[in-house]
């Protein structure tokens, strides 16, 4: 029977299950980064202890800390994008889709403030290729364009409007994460104001 990190050294994964171990390492790194809120505070040895394996087993899959952090962030981002898509699929019209996409990001950051800080505010953004994050911006631009095409928002440069919206939302989310004691209004109200002022849509008229 395989033991856990709390019970002592675990048994070796059967032959052919290296990918399973890699996934366990990434999952542990995700949990730890969410608690640490700092990519440079993570160590491969600490991750190994967390799941009860030798540090050398981590190095088999990841050359260094940045490689593991990047894998953890990509995994977290995939989960976020799945949640965004599910919310968009459940929305009833282009404005509701746009609103749902924005709200998922804010609510995810509220649940995972540490991961949000590492994903968007850590120095790994300057050291590594984090281009996987661009998909969120592209999809938001497409959602803004659909509102314009449907006549629900004034015709404009969707990419510019989307960038303004992202800047506003990320600013609000970052401040909520870093200054949680401020008298914040409900996120939904703040997002609706951004949609009205920056995109020109009316969430109240949307069939959410």
N, C-alpha and C. Protein backbone atom coordinates (compact mmCIF):
# COMPACT_ATOMS: atom_id res chain seq x y z
N UNK A 1 0.85 -1.20 0.00
CA UNK A 1 0.00 0.00 0.00
C UNK A 1 0.87 1.23 0.00
N UNK A 2 0.54 2.20 -0.88
CA UNK A 2 1.35 3.39 -1.01
C UNK A 2 1.09 4.35 0.14
N UNK A 3 2.14 4.93 0.69
CA UNK A 3 1.99 5.87 1.79
C UNK A 3 1.97 7.28 1.27
N UNK A 4 1.55 8.23 2.12
CA UNK A 4 1.47 9.63 1.73
C UNK A 4 2.61 10.40 2.36
N UNK A 5 2.64 11.71 2.05
CA UNK A 5 3.69 12.56 2.60
C UNK A 5 3.65 12.58 4.10
N UNK A 6 2.47 12.46 4.67
CA UNK A 6 2.35 12.52 6.13
C UNK A 6 2.72 11.18 6.78
N UNK A 7 2.67 10.09 5.99
CA UNK A 7 2.96 8.78 6.56
C UNK A 7 4.42 8.36 6.39
N UNK A 8 5.10 9.03 5.47
CA UNK A 8 6.48 8.66 5.22
C UNK A 8 6.73 8.51 3.75
N UNK A 9 7.83 7.89 3.38
CA UNK A 9 8.19 7.77 1.97
C UNK A 9 7.18 6.90 1.24
N UNK A 10 6.71 7.37 0.11
CA UNK A 10 5.71 6.63 -0.65
C UNK A 10 6.37 5.58 -1.52
N UNK A 11 5.56 4.65 -1.98
CA UNK A 11 6.09 3.65 -2.89
C UNK A 11 6.32 4.21 -4.27
N UNK A 12 7.09 3.48 -5.06
CA UNK A 12 7.39 3.93 -6.41
C UNK A 12 6.19 3.68 -7.31
N UNK A 13 5.91 4.64 -8.21
CA UNK A 13 4.83 4.44 -9.17
C UNK A 13 5.16 3.26 -10.07
N UNK A 14 4.18 2.42 -10.41
CA UNK A 14 4.43 1.32 -11.33
C UNK A 14 4.96 1.84 -12.65
N UNK A 15 5.67 0.97 -13.36
CA UNK A 15 6.25 1.34 -14.65
C UNK A 15 5.13 1.87 -15.57
N UNK A 16 5.43 2.96 -16.27
CA UNK A 16 4.46 3.52 -17.20
C UNK A 16 3.56 4.56 -16.58
N UNK A 17 3.72 4.83 -15.27
CA UNK A 17 2.86 5.81 -14.62
C UNK A 17 3.61 7.09 -14.27
N UNK A 18 4.65 7.40 -15.02
CA UNK A 18 5.40 8.62 -14.78
C UNK A 18 4.56 9.86 -14.98
N UNK A 19 3.63 9.80 -15.96
CA UNK A 19 2.77 10.95 -16.20
C UNK A 19 1.85 11.21 -15.01
N UNK A 20 1.42 10.14 -14.37
CA UNK A 20 0.59 10.29 -13.18
C UNK A 20 1.36 11.01 -12.08
N UNK A 21 2.62 10.65 -11.90
CA UNK A 21 3.43 11.31 -10.89
C UNK A 21 3.63 12.78 -11.25
N UNK A 22 3.86 13.05 -12.52
CA UNK A 22 4.02 14.44 -12.94
C UNK A 22 2.78 15.26 -12.60
N UNK A 23 1.61 14.69 -12.84
CA UNK A 23 0.36 15.39 -12.52
C UNK A 23 0.23 15.63 -11.02
N UNK A 24 0.65 14.67 -10.21
CA UNK A 24 0.61 14.85 -8.76
C UNK A 24 1.55 15.98 -8.33
N UNK A 25 2.72 16.04 -8.95
CA UNK A 25 3.68 17.10 -8.63
C UNK A 25 3.09 18.46 -8.99
N UNK A 26 2.49 18.56 -10.16
CA UNK A 26 1.90 19.83 -10.60
C UNK A 26 0.75 20.23 -9.68
N UNK A 27 -0.10 19.27 -9.31
CA UNK A 27 -1.22 19.57 -8.42
C UNK A 27 -0.75 20.06 -7.07
N UNK A 28 0.31 19.45 -6.55
CA UNK A 28 0.86 19.89 -5.27
C UNK A 28 1.42 21.30 -5.40
N UNK A 29 2.10 21.58 -6.50
CA UNK A 29 2.66 22.92 -6.72
C UNK A 29 1.55 23.96 -6.80
N UNK A 30 0.44 23.63 -7.45
CA UNK A 30 -0.70 24.55 -7.55
C UNK A 30 -1.21 24.89 -6.15
N UNK A 31 -1.42 23.87 -5.32
CA UNK A 31 -1.92 24.11 -3.96
C UNK A 31 -0.94 24.97 -3.16
N UNK A 32 0.33 24.69 -3.28
CA UNK A 32 1.32 25.41 -2.50
C UNK A 32 1.47 26.85 -2.98
N UNK A 33 1.42 27.07 -4.29
CA UNK A 33 1.51 28.43 -4.80
C UNK A 33 0.30 29.26 -4.37
N UNK A 34 -0.86 28.62 -4.29
CA UNK A 34 -2.04 29.35 -3.85
C UNK A 34 -1.88 29.80 -2.40
N UNK A 35 -1.21 28.99 -1.60
CA UNK A 35 -0.96 29.36 -0.19
C UNK A 35 0.19 30.35 -0.06
N UNK A 36 1.24 30.17 -0.85
CA UNK A 36 2.43 31.01 -0.74
C UNK A 36 2.26 32.38 -1.40
N UNK A 37 1.52 32.42 -2.50
CA UNK A 37 1.31 33.65 -3.28
C UNK A 37 2.63 34.24 -3.77
N UNK A 38 3.64 33.40 -3.95
CA UNK A 38 4.96 33.87 -4.35
C UNK A 38 5.69 32.72 -5.02
N UNK A 39 5.99 32.86 -6.31
CA UNK A 39 6.62 31.75 -7.02
C UNK A 39 8.01 31.45 -6.48
N UNK A 40 8.73 32.47 -6.00
CA UNK A 40 10.09 32.24 -5.54
C UNK A 40 10.15 31.63 -4.14
N UNK A 41 9.01 31.56 -3.48
CA UNK A 41 8.97 30.91 -2.17
C UNK A 41 8.79 29.40 -2.28
N UNK A 42 8.49 28.94 -3.49
CA UNK A 42 8.31 27.50 -3.71
C UNK A 42 9.66 26.83 -3.91
N UNK A 43 9.81 25.64 -3.37
CA UNK A 43 11.02 24.86 -3.62
C UNK A 43 10.63 23.46 -4.07
N UNK A 44 11.46 22.88 -4.92
CA UNK A 44 11.18 21.54 -5.41
C UNK A 44 11.21 20.53 -4.27
N UNK A 45 12.10 20.74 -3.31
CA UNK A 45 12.18 19.83 -2.17
C UNK A 45 10.90 19.88 -1.34
N UNK A 46 10.35 21.09 -1.18
CA UNK A 46 9.10 21.22 -0.41
C UNK A 46 7.95 20.52 -1.13
N UNK A 47 7.91 20.63 -2.43
CA UNK A 47 6.88 19.94 -3.21
C UNK A 47 7.04 18.43 -3.05
N UNK A 48 8.28 17.96 -3.09
CA UNK A 48 8.54 16.53 -2.92
C UNK A 48 8.05 16.06 -1.56
N UNK A 49 8.34 16.84 -0.52
CA UNK A 49 7.87 16.47 0.83
C UNK A 49 6.36 16.44 0.90
N UNK A 50 5.72 17.36 0.21
CA UNK A 50 4.26 17.47 0.24
C UNK A 50 3.59 16.17 -0.23
N UNK A 51 4.18 15.53 -1.23
CA UNK A 51 3.55 14.32 -1.76
C UNK A 51 4.33 13.06 -1.42
N UNK A 52 5.36 13.19 -0.59
CA UNK A 52 6.06 12.02 -0.07
C UNK A 52 6.94 11.30 -1.05
N UNK A 53 7.68 12.05 -1.86
CA UNK A 53 8.61 11.44 -2.80
C UNK A 53 9.99 12.05 -2.60
N UNK A 54 10.99 11.43 -3.19
CA UNK A 54 12.34 11.98 -3.14
C UNK A 54 12.44 13.19 -4.06
N UNK A 55 13.25 14.16 -3.66
CA UNK A 55 13.41 15.36 -4.48
C UNK A 55 13.91 15.02 -5.88
N UNK A 56 14.70 13.97 -5.99
CA UNK A 56 15.22 13.57 -7.31
C UNK A 56 14.08 13.19 -8.26
N UNK A 57 12.98 12.71 -7.71
CA UNK A 57 11.85 12.34 -8.56
C UNK A 57 11.22 13.57 -9.20
N UNK A 58 11.27 14.70 -8.49
CA UNK A 58 10.74 15.94 -9.06
C UNK A 58 11.65 16.41 -10.19
N UNK A 59 12.95 16.31 -9.98
CA UNK A 59 13.91 16.77 -10.98
C UNK A 59 13.85 15.95 -12.27
N UNK A 60 13.34 14.73 -12.17
CA UNK A 60 13.18 13.92 -13.38
C UNK A 60 12.19 14.58 -14.34
N UNK A 61 11.19 15.26 -13.76
CA UNK A 61 10.12 15.86 -14.56
C UNK A 61 10.32 17.35 -14.80
N UNK A 62 11.01 18.02 -13.88
CA UNK A 62 11.16 19.47 -13.99
C UNK A 62 12.61 19.86 -13.70
N UNK A 63 13.21 20.56 -14.65
CA UNK A 63 14.63 20.90 -14.53
C UNK A 63 14.90 21.87 -13.39
N UNK A 64 13.95 22.76 -13.11
CA UNK A 64 14.16 23.75 -12.06
C UNK A 64 12.81 24.26 -11.57
N UNK A 65 12.87 25.18 -10.62
CA UNK A 65 11.63 25.71 -10.03
C UNK A 65 10.77 26.42 -11.07
N UNK A 66 11.38 27.22 -11.93
CA UNK A 66 10.59 27.95 -12.93
C UNK A 66 9.80 27.00 -13.82
N UNK A 67 10.40 25.88 -14.18
CA UNK A 67 9.71 24.92 -15.04
C UNK A 67 8.47 24.37 -14.34
N UNK A 68 8.60 24.09 -13.05
CA UNK A 68 7.46 23.57 -12.30
C UNK A 68 6.40 24.65 -12.09
N UNK A 69 6.83 25.85 -11.74
CA UNK A 69 5.87 26.95 -11.56
C UNK A 69 5.11 27.20 -12.85
N UNK A 70 5.80 27.20 -13.96
CA UNK A 70 5.15 27.43 -15.24
C UNK A 70 4.12 26.35 -15.54
N UNK A 71 4.46 25.10 -15.26
CA UNK A 71 3.51 24.00 -15.47
C UNK A 71 2.29 24.16 -14.57
N UNK A 72 2.52 24.59 -13.33
CA UNK A 72 1.41 24.80 -12.39
C UNK A 72 0.51 25.93 -12.86
N UNK A 73 1.11 27.01 -13.38
CA UNK A 73 0.31 28.14 -13.86
C UNK A 73 -0.48 27.76 -15.10
N UNK A 74 0.13 27.00 -16.00
CA UNK A 74 -0.60 26.56 -17.19
C UNK A 74 -1.78 25.68 -16.81
N UNK A 75 -1.58 24.81 -15.82
CA UNK A 75 -2.67 23.95 -15.35
C UNK A 75 -3.79 24.78 -14.74
N UNK A 76 -3.43 25.76 -13.92
CA UNK A 76 -4.43 26.63 -13.30
C UNK A 76 -5.18 27.43 -14.36
N UNK A 77 -4.43 27.91 -15.35
CA UNK A 77 -5.06 28.71 -16.40
C UNK A 77 -6.02 27.86 -17.23
N UNK A 78 -5.68 26.62 -17.49
CA UNK A 78 -6.60 25.74 -18.21
C UNK A 78 -7.90 25.57 -17.43
N UNK A 79 -7.78 25.36 -16.12
CA UNK A 79 -8.98 25.21 -15.30
C UNK A 79 -9.82 26.48 -15.33
N UNK A 80 -9.14 27.64 -15.26
CA UNK A 80 -9.85 28.92 -15.32
C UNK A 80 -10.59 29.06 -16.65
N UNK A 81 -9.91 28.73 -17.74
CA UNK A 81 -10.53 28.87 -19.06
C UNK A 81 -11.72 27.93 -19.23
N UNK A 82 -11.65 26.75 -18.63
CA UNK A 82 -12.79 25.84 -18.68
C UNK A 82 -13.99 26.45 -17.96
N UNK A 83 -13.73 27.07 -16.81
CA UNK A 83 -14.81 27.71 -16.05
C UNK A 83 -15.39 28.89 -16.83
N UNK A 84 -14.51 29.66 -17.47
CA UNK A 84 -14.97 30.79 -18.28
C UNK A 84 -15.86 30.30 -19.41
N UNK A 85 -15.45 29.24 -20.08
CA UNK A 85 -16.23 28.73 -21.20
C UNK A 85 -17.56 28.17 -20.75
N UNK A 86 -17.58 27.49 -19.62
CA UNK A 86 -18.83 26.95 -19.10
C UNK A 86 -19.81 28.08 -18.79
N UNK A 87 -19.30 29.16 -18.19
CA UNK A 87 -20.17 30.30 -17.88
C UNK A 87 -20.68 30.96 -19.15
N UNK A 88 -19.81 31.08 -20.14
CA UNK A 88 -20.22 31.68 -21.41
C UNK A 88 -21.27 30.83 -22.11
N UNK A 89 -21.09 29.52 -22.07
CA UNK A 89 -22.04 28.62 -22.73
C UNK A 89 -23.42 28.69 -22.09
N UNK A 90 -23.46 29.02 -20.80
CA UNK A 90 -24.74 29.08 -20.09
C UNK A 90 -25.44 30.42 -20.26
N UNK A 91 -24.74 31.41 -20.82
CA UNK A 91 -25.33 32.74 -20.98
C UNK A 91 -26.25 32.79 -22.19
N UNK A 92 -27.18 33.74 -22.18
CA UNK A 92 -28.25 33.72 -23.17
C UNK A 92 -28.07 34.67 -24.34
N UNK A 93 -27.18 35.65 -24.27
CA UNK A 93 -26.99 36.61 -25.35
C UNK A 93 -25.57 37.17 -25.27
N UNK A 94 -25.13 37.92 -26.28
CA UNK A 94 -23.74 38.39 -26.29
C UNK A 94 -23.32 39.22 -25.08
N UNK A 95 -24.21 40.05 -24.57
CA UNK A 95 -23.87 40.85 -23.39
C UNK A 95 -23.71 39.96 -22.17
N UNK A 96 -24.61 39.00 -22.02
CA UNK A 96 -24.53 38.08 -20.89
C UNK A 96 -23.26 37.23 -20.97
N UNK A 97 -22.87 36.86 -22.19
CA UNK A 97 -21.63 36.10 -22.37
C UNK A 97 -20.44 36.93 -21.93
N UNK A 98 -20.38 38.18 -22.37
CA UNK A 98 -19.27 39.06 -22.00
C UNK A 98 -19.22 39.25 -20.49
N UNK A 99 -20.36 39.50 -19.89
CA UNK A 99 -20.43 39.71 -18.44
C UNK A 99 -19.98 38.46 -17.69
N UNK A 100 -20.43 37.30 -18.14
CA UNK A 100 -20.09 36.05 -17.48
C UNK A 100 -18.59 35.80 -17.53
N UNK A 101 -17.98 36.07 -18.68
CA UNK A 101 -16.54 35.86 -18.81
C UNK A 101 -15.77 36.73 -17.82
N UNK A 102 -16.16 37.97 -17.70
CA UNK A 102 -15.46 38.88 -16.80
C UNK A 102 -15.65 38.47 -15.34
N UNK A 103 -16.86 38.10 -14.99
CA UNK A 103 -17.14 37.74 -13.60
C UNK A 103 -16.41 36.48 -13.17
N UNK A 104 -16.26 35.52 -14.07
CA UNK A 104 -15.55 34.29 -13.70
C UNK A 104 -14.12 34.62 -13.27
N UNK A 105 -13.45 35.50 -14.00
CA UNK A 105 -12.09 35.88 -13.63
C UNK A 105 -12.05 36.48 -12.23
N UNK A 106 -12.97 37.41 -11.95
CA UNK A 106 -12.99 38.03 -10.63
C UNK A 106 -13.29 37.05 -9.51
N UNK A 107 -14.24 36.17 -9.75
CA UNK A 107 -14.60 35.19 -8.72
C UNK A 107 -13.49 34.16 -8.52
N UNK A 108 -12.81 33.78 -9.62
CA UNK A 108 -11.69 32.84 -9.49
C UNK A 108 -10.57 33.47 -8.67
N UNK A 109 -10.28 34.72 -8.91
CA UNK A 109 -9.23 35.41 -8.14
C UNK A 109 -9.60 35.51 -6.67
N UNK A 110 -10.88 35.67 -6.38
CA UNK A 110 -11.32 35.73 -4.98
C UNK A 110 -11.10 34.39 -4.29
N UNK A 111 -11.33 33.30 -5.01
CA UNK A 111 -11.13 31.97 -4.44
C UNK A 111 -9.66 31.58 -4.38
N UNK A 112 -8.87 32.10 -5.31
CA UNK A 112 -7.45 31.72 -5.41
C UNK A 112 -6.56 32.95 -5.49
N UNK A 113 -6.55 33.77 -4.46
CA UNK A 113 -5.75 35.01 -4.52
C UNK A 113 -4.27 34.76 -4.69
N UNK A 114 -3.75 33.68 -4.09
CA UNK A 114 -2.33 33.39 -4.23
C UNK A 114 -1.98 33.04 -5.65
N UNK A 115 -2.79 32.20 -6.28
CA UNK A 115 -2.54 31.84 -7.67
C UNK A 115 -2.67 33.05 -8.58
N UNK A 116 -3.64 33.91 -8.29
CA UNK A 116 -3.81 35.12 -9.11
C UNK A 116 -2.54 35.97 -9.06
N UNK A 117 -1.99 36.15 -7.85
CA UNK A 117 -0.79 36.97 -7.71
C UNK A 117 0.38 36.37 -8.48
N UNK A 118 0.55 35.06 -8.40
CA UNK A 118 1.65 34.42 -9.12
C UNK A 118 1.41 34.49 -10.62
N UNK A 119 0.18 34.27 -11.05
CA UNK A 119 -0.15 34.24 -12.47
C UNK A 119 0.01 35.60 -13.13
N UNK A 120 -0.30 36.68 -12.39
CA UNK A 120 -0.33 38.00 -13.01
C UNK A 120 0.66 39.01 -12.42
N UNK A 121 1.19 38.76 -11.24
CA UNK A 121 2.01 39.78 -10.60
C UNK A 121 3.42 39.32 -10.26
N UNK A 122 3.76 38.07 -10.51
CA UNK A 122 5.07 37.56 -10.12
C UNK A 122 6.12 37.82 -11.20
N UNK A 123 7.37 37.71 -10.81
CA UNK A 123 8.47 37.98 -11.74
C UNK A 123 8.64 36.89 -12.79
N UNK A 124 7.99 35.76 -12.62
CA UNK A 124 8.10 34.73 -13.65
C UNK A 124 7.51 35.21 -14.97
N UNK A 125 6.65 36.22 -14.90
CA UNK A 125 6.09 36.79 -16.12
C UNK A 125 7.17 37.45 -16.98
N UNK A 126 8.28 37.85 -16.36
CA UNK A 126 9.39 38.44 -17.11
C UNK A 126 10.44 37.39 -17.47
N UNK A 127 10.44 36.26 -16.77
CA UNK A 127 11.49 35.26 -16.97
C UNK A 127 11.09 34.14 -17.91
N UNK A 128 9.81 33.94 -18.10
CA UNK A 128 9.36 32.76 -18.84
C UNK A 128 8.31 33.13 -19.88
N UNK A 129 8.05 32.20 -20.77
CA UNK A 129 7.04 32.39 -21.80
C UNK A 129 5.66 32.09 -21.21
N UNK A 130 4.88 33.12 -21.00
CA UNK A 130 3.53 32.94 -20.44
C UNK A 130 2.48 33.33 -21.50
N UNK A 131 2.81 33.09 -22.75
CA UNK A 131 1.91 33.47 -23.83
C UNK A 131 0.59 32.71 -23.79
N UNK A 132 0.53 31.62 -23.01
CA UNK A 132 -0.74 30.89 -22.88
C UNK A 132 -1.84 31.80 -22.31
N UNK A 133 -1.44 32.87 -21.61
CA UNK A 133 -2.43 33.77 -21.02
C UNK A 133 -3.13 34.63 -22.07
N UNK A 134 -2.57 34.71 -23.28
CA UNK A 134 -3.13 35.59 -24.30
C UNK A 134 -4.50 35.14 -24.77
N UNK A 135 -4.80 33.86 -24.62
CA UNK A 135 -6.08 33.35 -25.10
C UNK A 135 -7.25 34.02 -24.38
N UNK A 136 -7.09 34.37 -23.12
CA UNK A 136 -8.17 35.02 -22.39
C UNK A 136 -8.49 36.37 -23.00
N UNK A 137 -7.44 37.12 -23.36
CA UNK A 137 -7.65 38.42 -23.98
C UNK A 137 -8.29 38.30 -25.35
N UNK A 138 -7.84 37.33 -26.14
CA UNK A 138 -8.42 37.15 -27.48
C UNK A 138 -9.90 36.81 -27.39
N UNK A 139 -10.24 35.94 -26.46
CA UNK A 139 -11.64 35.54 -26.35
C UNK A 139 -12.51 36.69 -25.84
N UNK A 140 -11.95 37.54 -24.97
CA UNK A 140 -12.71 38.69 -24.49
C UNK A 140 -12.94 39.68 -25.62
N UNK A 141 -11.92 39.88 -26.46
CA UNK A 141 -12.08 40.76 -27.63
C UNK A 141 -13.17 40.23 -28.55
N UNK A 142 -13.19 38.93 -28.76
CA UNK A 142 -14.22 38.33 -29.61
C UNK A 142 -15.60 38.53 -29.00
N UNK A 143 -15.69 38.44 -27.66
CA UNK A 143 -16.98 38.63 -27.00
C UNK A 143 -17.44 40.08 -27.13
N UNK A 144 -16.53 41.04 -27.03
CA UNK A 144 -16.86 42.44 -27.23
C UNK A 144 -17.33 42.67 -28.67
N UNK A 145 -16.61 42.08 -29.62
CA UNK A 145 -16.98 42.24 -31.03
C UNK A 145 -18.38 41.70 -31.31
N UNK A 146 -18.72 40.59 -30.68
CA UNK A 146 -20.06 40.03 -30.89
C UNK A 146 -21.15 40.98 -30.38
N UNK A 147 -20.86 41.67 -29.27
CA UNK A 147 -21.83 42.66 -28.76
C UNK A 147 -22.00 43.78 -29.78
N UNK A 148 -20.90 44.21 -30.38
CA UNK A 148 -20.97 45.27 -31.39
C UNK A 148 -21.71 44.79 -32.63
N UNK A 149 -21.40 43.58 -33.08
CA UNK A 149 -22.03 43.04 -34.29
C UNK A 149 -23.54 42.88 -34.11
N UNK A 150 -23.95 42.61 -32.86
CA UNK A 150 -25.38 42.44 -32.59
C UNK A 150 -26.10 43.76 -32.35
N UNK A 151 -25.37 44.87 -32.43
CA UNK A 151 -25.97 46.18 -32.20
C UNK A 151 -26.24 46.46 -30.73
N UNK A 152 -25.60 45.70 -29.85
CA UNK A 152 -25.82 45.88 -28.41
C UNK A 152 -24.77 46.78 -27.78
N UNK A 153 -23.74 47.12 -28.55
CA UNK A 153 -22.70 48.05 -28.10
C UNK A 153 -22.33 48.93 -29.28
N UNK A 154 -21.92 50.18 -29.03
CA UNK A 154 -21.53 51.07 -30.12
C UNK A 154 -20.38 50.49 -30.93
N UNK A 155 -20.41 50.69 -32.24
CA UNK A 155 -19.32 50.23 -33.09
C UNK A 155 -18.02 50.94 -32.70
N UNK A 156 -16.95 50.16 -32.56
CA UNK A 156 -15.67 50.71 -32.13
C UNK A 156 -14.60 49.67 -32.44
N UNK A 157 -13.37 49.97 -32.04
CA UNK A 157 -12.28 49.01 -32.17
C UNK A 157 -12.39 48.02 -31.00
N UNK A 158 -12.84 46.81 -31.28
CA UNK A 158 -13.10 45.84 -30.21
C UNK A 158 -11.85 45.53 -29.41
N UNK A 159 -10.69 45.50 -30.08
CA UNK A 159 -9.45 45.17 -29.38
C UNK A 159 -9.10 46.25 -28.36
N UNK A 160 -9.30 47.51 -28.72
CA UNK A 160 -9.01 48.62 -27.80
C UNK A 160 -10.00 48.61 -26.64
N UNK A 161 -11.27 48.43 -26.94
CA UNK A 161 -12.29 48.40 -25.89
C UNK A 161 -12.03 47.23 -24.95
N UNK A 162 -11.69 46.08 -25.51
CA UNK A 162 -11.41 44.90 -24.70
C UNK A 162 -10.21 45.14 -23.79
N UNK A 163 -9.17 45.79 -24.31
CA UNK A 163 -7.99 46.07 -23.49
C UNK A 163 -8.33 47.01 -22.34
N UNK A 164 -9.15 48.03 -22.61
CA UNK A 164 -9.59 48.93 -21.54
C UNK A 164 -10.36 48.16 -20.47
N UNK A 165 -11.24 47.28 -20.91
CA UNK A 165 -12.04 46.49 -19.98
C UNK A 165 -11.16 45.57 -19.14
N UNK A 166 -10.21 44.90 -19.79
CA UNK A 166 -9.30 44.02 -19.05
C UNK A 166 -8.47 44.79 -18.04
N UNK A 167 -7.99 45.97 -18.44
CA UNK A 167 -7.19 46.78 -17.52
C UNK A 167 -8.01 47.17 -16.29
N UNK A 168 -9.24 47.56 -16.51
CA UNK A 168 -10.10 47.95 -15.40
C UNK A 168 -10.40 46.77 -14.48
N UNK A 169 -10.74 45.64 -15.08
CA UNK A 169 -11.09 44.46 -14.28
C UNK A 169 -9.88 43.94 -13.51
N UNK A 170 -8.72 43.84 -14.20
CA UNK A 170 -7.53 43.36 -13.50
C UNK A 170 -7.12 44.33 -12.39
N UNK A 171 -7.28 45.62 -12.63
CA UNK A 171 -6.97 46.59 -11.57
C UNK A 171 -7.85 46.38 -10.36
N UNK A 172 -9.15 46.19 -10.61
CA UNK A 172 -10.08 45.97 -9.50
C UNK A 172 -9.78 44.67 -8.78
N UNK A 173 -9.52 43.62 -9.56
CA UNK A 173 -9.23 42.31 -8.96
C UNK A 173 -7.95 42.37 -8.14
N UNK A 174 -6.91 42.99 -8.70
CA UNK A 174 -5.63 43.09 -7.99
C UNK A 174 -5.79 43.87 -6.69
N UNK A 175 -6.53 44.95 -6.72
CA UNK A 175 -6.74 45.73 -5.51
C UNK A 175 -7.54 44.94 -4.47
N UNK A 176 -8.50 44.17 -4.93
CA UNK A 176 -9.28 43.35 -3.99
C UNK A 176 -8.39 42.29 -3.34
N UNK A 177 -7.47 41.73 -4.12
CA UNK A 177 -6.56 40.72 -3.59
C UNK A 177 -5.57 41.33 -2.61
N UNK A 178 -5.03 42.49 -2.97
CA UNK A 178 -3.96 43.10 -2.17
C UNK A 178 -4.46 44.04 -1.07
N UNK A 179 -5.67 44.54 -1.21
CA UNK A 179 -6.24 45.45 -0.20
C UNK A 179 -7.66 44.99 0.14
N UNK A 180 -7.79 43.81 0.70
CA UNK A 180 -9.13 43.24 0.93
C UNK A 180 -9.97 43.99 1.96
N UNK A 181 -9.35 44.84 2.77
CA UNK A 181 -10.10 45.53 3.82
C UNK A 181 -10.77 46.81 3.36
N UNK A 182 -10.55 47.21 2.13
CA UNK A 182 -11.25 48.38 1.61
C UNK A 182 -12.74 48.07 1.49
N UNK A 183 -13.59 49.09 1.54
CA UNK A 183 -15.06 48.86 1.49
C UNK A 183 -15.53 48.54 0.07
N UNK A 184 -15.20 47.33 -0.39
CA UNK A 184 -15.50 46.98 -1.77
C UNK A 184 -16.99 46.76 -2.00
N UNK A 185 -17.51 47.28 -3.11
CA UNK A 185 -18.89 46.94 -3.48
C UNK A 185 -18.91 45.53 -4.04
N UNK A 186 -20.07 44.94 -4.20
CA UNK A 186 -20.11 43.62 -4.84
C UNK A 186 -19.44 43.68 -6.21
N UNK A 187 -18.68 42.64 -6.54
CA UNK A 187 -17.96 42.62 -7.81
C UNK A 187 -18.92 42.76 -8.99
N UNK A 188 -20.09 42.16 -8.89
CA UNK A 188 -21.05 42.22 -9.98
C UNK A 188 -21.42 43.67 -10.32
N UNK A 189 -21.60 44.50 -9.26
CA UNK A 189 -21.95 45.90 -9.49
C UNK A 189 -20.81 46.65 -10.18
N UNK A 190 -19.59 46.37 -9.75
CA UNK A 190 -18.44 47.04 -10.33
C UNK A 190 -18.26 46.64 -11.79
N UNK A 191 -18.41 45.35 -12.08
CA UNK A 191 -18.28 44.88 -13.45
C UNK A 191 -19.36 45.49 -14.34
N UNK A 192 -20.57 45.59 -13.83
CA UNK A 192 -21.65 46.19 -14.63
C UNK A 192 -21.34 47.64 -14.97
N UNK A 193 -20.75 48.38 -14.05
CA UNK A 193 -20.39 49.76 -14.34
C UNK A 193 -19.32 49.82 -15.43
N UNK A 194 -18.35 48.90 -15.37
CA UNK A 194 -17.32 48.86 -16.41
C UNK A 194 -17.95 48.56 -17.78
N UNK A 195 -18.89 47.64 -17.80
CA UNK A 195 -19.51 47.27 -19.07
C UNK A 195 -20.29 48.44 -19.66
N UNK A 196 -20.94 49.20 -18.82
CA UNK A 196 -21.70 50.37 -19.29
C UNK A 196 -20.75 51.46 -19.78
N UNK A 197 -19.74 51.78 -18.95
CA UNK A 197 -18.88 52.92 -19.25
C UNK A 197 -17.83 52.63 -20.32
N UNK A 198 -17.31 51.41 -20.34
CA UNK A 198 -16.20 51.12 -21.25
C UNK A 198 -16.64 50.43 -22.54
N UNK A 199 -17.68 49.62 -22.46
CA UNK A 199 -18.14 48.89 -23.64
C UNK A 199 -19.39 49.52 -24.24
N UNK A 200 -20.20 50.14 -23.38
CA UNK A 200 -21.43 50.76 -23.85
C UNK A 200 -22.60 49.83 -23.92
N UNK A 201 -22.53 48.72 -23.20
CA UNK A 201 -23.65 47.78 -23.17
C UNK A 201 -24.46 47.99 -21.90
N UNK A 202 -25.65 47.43 -21.87
CA UNK A 202 -26.51 47.54 -20.71
C UNK A 202 -26.78 46.15 -20.13
N UNK A 203 -26.01 45.74 -19.11
CA UNK A 203 -26.23 44.41 -18.53
C UNK A 203 -27.64 44.22 -17.99
N UNK A 204 -28.27 45.32 -17.51
CA UNK A 204 -29.61 45.20 -16.93
C UNK A 204 -30.62 44.75 -17.98
N UNK A 205 -30.38 45.08 -19.25
CA UNK A 205 -31.31 44.71 -20.31
C UNK A 205 -31.01 43.33 -20.88
N UNK A 206 -29.91 42.74 -20.41
CA UNK A 206 -29.52 41.44 -20.95
C UNK A 206 -30.34 40.33 -20.33
N UNK A 207 -30.62 39.30 -21.11
CA UNK A 207 -31.32 38.14 -20.57
C UNK A 207 -30.33 37.19 -19.94
N UNK A 208 -29.80 37.55 -18.77
CA UNK A 208 -28.77 36.76 -18.12
C UNK A 208 -29.22 35.35 -17.82
